[in-house]
């Protein structure tokens, strides 16, 4: 759920935040393309890594890297270099989390129940898009774009910390 809060923010509010801070359309396009590009390429390795290093360490690390990426975006006040670095980190964090979470769900149930469990997981994961868009929009309207990004960063860090202290 929290992972997709980040996606809603990255694809919805982040371009507006960059534009409000003077980024050109081309710069926004580069940042918007780097995030899923890094995510897609890196998850080819992180899926394998989660089979060997374990699910929990990658989920915790991925959530914390995502939170740091969003913090970097706000700290850089939407400048192109900081946004580019944030997009790379957000992609790496998402690559650590995305394939690992679905594998963790698959690991936790019998093969006969796997389709139902993965479907339920994907429902809640994808509901994060809706919640992220609503949260980011409401906080941005009430406070500021930076506050909305910071709020999602805080929720993402809290989620990573929660996974770290939760026994498996």
Protein backbone atom coordinates (compact mmCIF):
# COMPACT_ATOMS: atom_id res chain seq x y z
CA UNK A 1 0.00 0.00 0.00
CA UNK A 2 2.69 2.46 1.06
CA UNK A 3 4.88 1.63 -1.93
CA UNK A 4 2.12 2.77 -4.25
CA UNK A 5 1.62 5.98 -2.26
CA UNK A 6 5.05 6.82 -3.66
CA UNK A 7 4.01 5.97 -7.20
CA UNK A 8 0.95 8.20 -7.06
CA UNK A 9 3.10 11.02 -5.75
CA UNK A 10 5.90 10.42 -8.28
CA UNK A 11 3.56 10.44 -11.25
CA UNK A 12 1.02 12.97 -10.02
CA UNK A 13 2.44 15.60 -7.69
CA UNK A 14 6.18 15.44 -8.42
CA UNK A 15 5.87 16.82 -11.98
CA UNK A 16 3.75 19.69 -10.68
CA UNK A 17 6.27 20.29 -7.89
CA UNK A 18 9.13 20.40 -10.37
CA UNK A 19 7.23 22.74 -12.70
CA UNK A 20 6.39 25.06 -9.80
CA UNK A 21 10.10 25.18 -9.00
CA UNK A 22 11.15 26.15 -12.51
CA UNK A 23 11.85 22.81 -14.20
CA UNK A 24 11.35 22.70 -17.95
CA UNK A 25 9.04 20.21 -19.61
CA UNK A 26 12.11 18.32 -20.85
CA UNK A 27 13.60 18.11 -17.35
CA UNK A 28 10.30 16.89 -15.94
CA UNK A 29 10.16 14.25 -18.68
CA UNK A 30 13.68 13.06 -17.90
CA UNK A 31 12.94 12.78 -14.17
CA UNK A 32 9.62 11.06 -14.88
CA UNK A 33 11.36 8.54 -17.17
CA UNK A 34 14.37 7.84 -14.95
CA UNK A 35 12.27 6.59 -12.03
CA UNK A 36 10.51 3.70 -13.82
CA UNK A 37 13.58 3.03 -15.96
CA UNK A 38 15.81 2.46 -12.94
CA UNK A 39 13.05 0.52 -11.21
CA UNK A 40 12.47 -1.77 -14.19
CA UNK A 41 16.13 -2.53 -14.82
CA UNK A 42 17.14 -2.89 -11.19
CA UNK A 43 14.33 -5.27 -10.25
CA UNK A 44 15.84 -7.84 -12.60
CA UNK A 45 18.60 -8.15 -10.00
CA UNK A 46 16.65 -7.42 -6.84
CA UNK A 47 14.18 -10.23 -7.49
CA UNK A 48 17.09 -12.65 -7.58
CA UNK A 49 18.69 -10.95 -4.57
CA UNK A 50 15.55 -11.38 -2.48
CA UNK A 51 15.71 -15.13 -3.11
CA UNK A 52 19.23 -15.20 -1.68
CA UNK A 53 19.38 -12.42 0.93
CA UNK A 54 15.84 -12.79 2.23
CA UNK A 55 12.68 -10.77 1.78
CA UNK A 56 12.62 -8.64 4.92
CA UNK A 57 16.02 -6.90 4.53
CA UNK A 58 15.18 -5.82 0.98
CA UNK A 59 11.71 -4.58 1.93
CA UNK A 60 13.09 -2.54 4.84
CA UNK A 61 15.96 -1.14 2.79
CA UNK A 62 13.70 -0.37 -0.15
CA UNK A 63 11.17 1.55 1.92
CA UNK A 64 13.91 3.56 3.63
CA UNK A 65 15.61 4.34 0.30
CA UNK A 66 12.26 5.50 -1.11
CA UNK A 67 11.73 7.75 1.91
CA UNK A 68 15.25 9.18 1.53
CA UNK A 69 14.58 9.83 -2.17
CA UNK A 70 11.45 11.82 -1.39
CA UNK A 71 13.32 13.71 1.33
CA UNK A 72 16.05 14.51 -1.21
CA UNK A 73 13.46 15.88 -3.62
CA UNK A 74 12.09 18.26 -0.98
CA UNK A 75 15.54 19.19 0.39
CA UNK A 76 16.67 20.09 -3.12
CA UNK A 77 13.58 22.27 -3.55
CA UNK A 78 12.79 20.69 -6.89
CA UNK A 79 16.10 21.53 -8.55
CA UNK A 80 16.83 19.33 -11.55
CA UNK A 81 20.00 17.69 -10.12
CA UNK A 82 18.31 16.80 -6.83
CA UNK A 83 15.18 15.62 -8.64
CA UNK A 84 17.29 13.43 -10.91
CA UNK A 85 19.10 11.91 -7.92
CA UNK A 86 15.79 11.43 -6.14
CA UNK A 87 14.34 9.66 -9.19
CA UNK A 88 17.29 7.26 -9.29
CA UNK A 89 16.98 6.51 -5.57
CA UNK A 90 13.20 6.15 -5.79
CA UNK A 91 13.66 3.69 -8.65
CA UNK A 92 16.23 1.68 -6.68
CA UNK A 93 14.04 1.64 -3.58
CA UNK A 94 11.02 0.54 -5.57
CA UNK A 95 13.08 -2.18 -7.26
CA UNK A 96 14.06 -3.51 -3.84
CA UNK A 97 10.45 -3.55 -2.64
CA UNK A 98 8.18 -4.31 -5.58
CA UNK A 99 9.18 -7.85 -6.62
CA UNK A 100 10.12 -8.74 -3.05
CA UNK A 101 6.71 -7.98 -1.58
CA UNK A 102 4.86 -10.16 -4.07
CA UNK A 103 7.38 -12.94 -3.49
CA UNK A 104 6.88 -12.62 0.27
CA UNK A 105 3.14 -13.02 -0.18
CA UNK A 106 3.68 -16.06 -2.38
CA UNK A 107 6.08 -17.53 0.19
CA UNK A 108 3.54 -17.24 2.99
CA UNK A 109 0.72 -19.34 1.53
CA UNK A 110 0.27 -22.78 0.06
CA UNK A 111 0.28 -23.09 -3.72
CA UNK A 112 -3.47 -23.79 -3.63
CA UNK A 113 -4.15 -20.43 -1.94
CA UNK A 114 -1.52 -18.41 -3.81
CA UNK A 115 -3.75 -16.88 -6.50
CA UNK A 116 -6.28 -15.66 -3.93
CA UNK A 117 -3.56 -14.30 -1.62
CA UNK A 118 -1.72 -12.52 -4.44
CA UNK A 119 -5.00 -11.05 -5.69
CA UNK A 120 -5.82 -9.73 -2.21
CA UNK A 121 -2.30 -8.35 -1.86
CA UNK A 122 -2.53 -6.61 -5.24
CA UNK A 123 -5.88 -5.07 -4.30
CA UNK A 124 -4.37 -3.44 -1.20
CA UNK A 125 -1.13 -2.57 -2.98
CA UNK A 126 -2.98 -0.86 -5.82
CA UNK A 127 -5.34 0.93 -3.41
CA UNK A 128 -2.19 2.83 -2.44
CA UNK A 129 -2.43 4.66 -5.79
CA UNK A 130 -5.80 6.07 -4.82
CA UNK A 131 -4.77 6.89 -1.27
CA UNK A 132 -1.51 8.45 -2.43
CA UNK A 133 -3.21 10.68 -4.95
CA UNK A 134 -5.82 11.79 -2.42
CA UNK A 135 -3.30 12.31 0.38
CA UNK A 136 -0.85 14.20 -1.79
CA UNK A 137 -3.55 16.40 -3.27
CA UNK A 138 -5.22 17.19 0.04
CA UNK A 139 -1.97 17.98 1.85
CA UNK A 140 -0.61 19.97 -1.10
CA UNK A 141 -3.80 22.07 -1.19
CA UNK A 142 -3.94 22.53 2.57
CA UNK A 143 -0.24 23.16 3.22
CA UNK A 144 2.17 22.88 0.27
CA UNK A 145 3.58 20.50 -2.33
CA UNK A 146 6.72 20.05 -0.25
CA UNK A 147 4.67 19.17 2.82
CA UNK A 148 2.76 16.56 0.84
CA UNK A 149 5.98 14.98 -0.40
CA UNK A 150 7.37 15.10 3.14
CA UNK A 151 4.24 13.44 4.52
CA UNK A 152 4.52 10.57 2.06
CA UNK A 153 8.26 10.29 2.85
CA UNK A 154 7.41 10.05 6.55
CA UNK A 155 4.78 7.37 5.98
CA UNK A 156 7.22 5.44 3.80
CA UNK A 157 9.97 5.59 6.43
CA UNK A 158 7.49 4.55 9.13
CA UNK A 159 6.42 1.61 6.99
CA UNK A 160 10.02 0.49 6.56
CA UNK A 161 10.65 0.84 10.29
CA UNK A 162 7.47 -1.11 11.06
CA UNK A 163 8.60 -3.98 8.81
CA UNK A 164 12.03 -3.89 10.49
CA UNK A 165 10.58 -4.43 13.98
CA UNK A 166 7.78 -6.83 13.01
CA UNK A 167 8.63 -10.49 13.56
CA UNK A 168 8.17 -12.72 10.53
